[in-house]
């Protein structure tokens, strides 16, 4: 599995999005500013940093 954390400004959605997909699958969101991780722990830690940076309350995980 790969974990994709979107780095774009989360406004007006007010959350940091994490997309989870199979390793071989390419998603359209990967054309936007993002970072890909191989583990959930790394992705969530990075999303927490972005959450503080953008001053939003939530992180949402979307499974494809």
N, C-alpha and C. Protein backbone atom coordinates (compact mmCIF):
# COMPACT_ATOMS: atom_id res chain seq x y z
N UNK A 1 0.84 -1.17 0.00
CA UNK A 1 0.00 0.00 0.00
C UNK A 1 0.89 1.24 0.00
N UNK A 2 0.38 2.29 -0.63
CA UNK A 2 1.06 3.58 -0.56
C UNK A 2 0.12 4.60 0.04
N UNK A 3 0.71 5.51 0.79
CA UNK A 3 -0.02 6.54 1.53
C UNK A 3 0.38 7.89 0.95
N UNK A 4 -0.58 8.61 0.40
CA UNK A 4 -0.32 9.88 -0.29
C UNK A 4 -0.90 11.01 0.55
N UNK A 5 -0.03 11.92 0.98
CA UNK A 5 -0.46 13.08 1.78
C UNK A 5 -0.46 14.29 0.85
N UNK A 6 -1.61 14.92 0.70
CA UNK A 6 -1.72 16.11 -0.14
C UNK A 6 -1.13 17.31 0.60
N UNK A 7 -0.25 18.05 -0.09
CA UNK A 7 0.43 19.18 0.53
C UNK A 7 -0.20 20.51 0.18
N UNK A 8 -1.26 20.51 -0.61
CA UNK A 8 -1.87 21.78 -1.01
C UNK A 8 -2.66 22.37 0.16
N UNK A 9 -2.92 23.66 0.07
CA UNK A 9 -3.67 24.37 1.10
C UNK A 9 -5.04 23.71 1.30
N UNK A 10 -5.37 23.29 2.52
CA UNK A 10 -6.61 22.54 2.75
C UNK A 10 -7.88 23.40 2.81
N UNK A 11 -7.77 24.69 2.65
CA UNK A 11 -8.96 25.56 2.70
C UNK A 11 -9.76 25.41 1.41
N UNK A 12 -11.03 25.40 1.36
CA UNK A 12 -11.99 25.56 2.44
C UNK A 12 -12.40 24.25 3.11
N UNK A 13 -11.79 23.12 2.71
CA UNK A 13 -12.19 21.82 3.27
C UNK A 13 -11.86 21.70 4.75
N UNK A 14 -10.79 22.38 5.17
CA UNK A 14 -10.41 22.43 6.57
C UNK A 14 -9.92 21.09 7.13
N UNK A 15 -9.26 20.27 6.28
CA UNK A 15 -8.63 19.04 6.75
C UNK A 15 -7.47 18.68 5.83
N UNK A 16 -6.53 17.91 6.37
CA UNK A 16 -5.42 17.37 5.58
C UNK A 16 -5.87 16.01 5.07
N UNK A 17 -5.75 15.79 3.77
CA UNK A 17 -6.21 14.54 3.16
C UNK A 17 -5.06 13.56 2.97
N UNK A 18 -5.33 12.31 3.32
CA UNK A 18 -4.42 11.20 3.06
C UNK A 18 -5.17 10.20 2.19
N UNK A 19 -4.59 9.86 1.05
CA UNK A 19 -5.18 8.86 0.15
C UNK A 19 -4.38 7.57 0.28
N UNK A 20 -5.08 6.45 0.40
CA UNK A 20 -4.43 5.15 0.52
C UNK A 20 -4.81 4.33 -0.71
N UNK A 21 -3.80 3.81 -1.41
CA UNK A 21 -4.05 3.03 -2.63
C UNK A 21 -3.06 1.88 -2.72
N UNK A 22 -3.36 0.95 -3.60
CA UNK A 22 -2.43 -0.16 -3.86
C UNK A 22 -1.16 0.40 -4.50
N UNK A 23 -0.06 -0.27 -4.25
CA UNK A 23 1.25 0.22 -4.69
C UNK A 23 1.33 0.49 -6.20
N UNK A 24 0.78 -0.38 -7.03
CA UNK A 24 0.90 -0.22 -8.47
C UNK A 24 -0.08 0.75 -9.10
N UNK A 25 -1.01 1.23 -8.35
CA UNK A 25 -2.07 2.09 -8.88
C UNK A 25 -1.64 3.56 -8.87
N UNK A 26 -1.90 4.27 -9.98
CA UNK A 26 -1.59 5.69 -10.07
C UNK A 26 -2.88 6.49 -9.94
N UNK A 27 -2.89 7.45 -9.03
CA UNK A 27 -4.07 8.26 -8.79
C UNK A 27 -3.90 9.64 -9.42
N UNK A 28 -5.00 10.28 -9.78
CA UNK A 28 -4.94 11.62 -10.35
C UNK A 28 -4.41 12.64 -9.36
N UNK A 29 -4.64 12.44 -8.08
CA UNK A 29 -4.16 13.39 -7.07
C UNK A 29 -2.64 13.46 -7.02
N UNK A 30 -1.97 12.46 -7.57
CA UNK A 30 -0.51 12.46 -7.56
C UNK A 30 0.07 13.53 -8.48
N UNK A 31 -0.76 14.12 -9.33
CA UNK A 31 -0.29 15.23 -10.17
C UNK A 31 -0.29 16.55 -9.39
N UNK A 32 -0.94 16.57 -8.24
CA UNK A 32 -0.97 17.75 -7.36
C UNK A 32 0.22 17.65 -6.40
N UNK A 33 0.52 18.75 -5.69
CA UNK A 33 1.60 18.66 -4.70
C UNK A 33 1.27 17.64 -3.61
N UNK A 34 2.09 16.63 -3.50
CA UNK A 34 1.86 15.57 -2.53
C UNK A 34 3.17 14.88 -2.19
N UNK A 35 3.13 14.08 -1.14
CA UNK A 35 4.26 13.25 -0.75
C UNK A 35 3.73 11.84 -0.52
N UNK A 36 4.47 10.85 -1.02
CA UNK A 36 4.06 9.46 -0.92
C UNK A 36 4.91 8.74 0.12
N UNK A 37 4.25 7.94 0.95
CA UNK A 37 4.92 7.17 1.99
C UNK A 37 4.54 5.70 1.85
N UNK A 38 5.38 4.83 2.41
CA UNK A 38 5.11 3.40 2.38
C UNK A 38 4.44 2.90 3.65
N UNK A 39 4.44 3.73 4.70
CA UNK A 39 3.82 3.28 5.95
C UNK A 39 2.82 4.33 6.44
N UNK A 40 1.85 3.86 7.16
CA UNK A 40 0.83 4.75 7.72
C UNK A 40 1.41 5.68 8.77
N UNK A 41 2.36 5.20 9.54
CA UNK A 41 2.95 6.02 10.60
C UNK A 41 3.66 7.24 10.03
N UNK A 42 4.44 7.04 8.98
CA UNK A 42 5.14 8.17 8.36
C UNK A 42 4.16 9.17 7.77
N UNK A 43 3.13 8.67 7.10
CA UNK A 43 2.14 9.54 6.48
C UNK A 43 1.38 10.35 7.52
N UNK A 44 0.97 9.72 8.60
CA UNK A 44 0.21 10.42 9.63
C UNK A 44 1.08 11.44 10.35
N UNK A 45 2.34 11.08 10.60
CA UNK A 45 3.25 12.05 11.23
C UNK A 45 3.41 13.29 10.35
N UNK A 46 3.58 13.08 9.05
CA UNK A 46 3.73 14.20 8.12
C UNK A 46 2.44 15.02 8.05
N UNK A 47 1.30 14.35 8.03
CA UNK A 47 0.01 15.05 8.00
C UNK A 47 -0.18 15.89 9.26
N UNK A 48 0.31 15.41 10.38
CA UNK A 48 0.23 16.20 11.62
C UNK A 48 1.05 17.48 11.52
N UNK A 49 2.22 17.39 10.90
CA UNK A 49 3.03 18.59 10.69
C UNK A 49 2.29 19.59 9.80
N UNK A 50 1.69 19.09 8.71
CA UNK A 50 0.93 19.97 7.81
C UNK A 50 -0.28 20.56 8.52
N UNK A 51 -0.90 19.77 9.37
CA UNK A 51 -2.07 20.25 10.12
C UNK A 51 -1.68 21.45 10.98
N UNK A 52 -0.54 21.38 11.63
CA UNK A 52 -0.06 22.51 12.43
C UNK A 52 0.30 23.71 11.54
N UNK A 53 0.94 23.43 10.42
CA UNK A 53 1.36 24.49 9.51
C UNK A 53 0.17 25.27 8.96
N UNK A 54 -0.87 24.55 8.55
CA UNK A 54 -2.05 25.19 7.95
C UNK A 54 -3.11 25.55 8.99
N UNK A 55 -2.89 25.16 10.23
CA UNK A 55 -3.81 25.49 11.33
C UNK A 55 -5.23 24.96 11.08
N UNK A 56 -5.32 23.68 10.71
CA UNK A 56 -6.61 23.02 10.55
C UNK A 56 -6.75 21.97 11.66
N UNK A 57 -7.97 21.52 11.89
CA UNK A 57 -8.23 20.63 13.01
C UNK A 57 -8.15 19.14 12.67
N UNK A 58 -8.46 18.77 11.43
CA UNK A 58 -8.65 17.35 11.12
C UNK A 58 -7.69 16.81 10.08
N UNK A 59 -7.54 15.49 10.14
CA UNK A 59 -6.85 14.71 9.11
C UNK A 59 -7.85 13.64 8.69
N UNK A 60 -8.05 13.51 7.38
CA UNK A 60 -8.99 12.48 6.89
C UNK A 60 -8.24 11.50 5.99
N UNK A 61 -8.57 10.22 6.16
CA UNK A 61 -7.95 9.17 5.37
C UNK A 61 -9.00 8.61 4.41
N UNK A 62 -8.65 8.57 3.12
CA UNK A 62 -9.53 8.06 2.09
C UNK A 62 -8.90 6.81 1.49
N UNK A 63 -9.64 5.70 1.49
CA UNK A 63 -9.17 4.46 0.92
C UNK A 63 -9.73 4.30 -0.49
N UNK A 64 -8.86 3.96 -1.43
CA UNK A 64 -9.28 3.80 -2.82
C UNK A 64 -9.54 2.33 -3.08
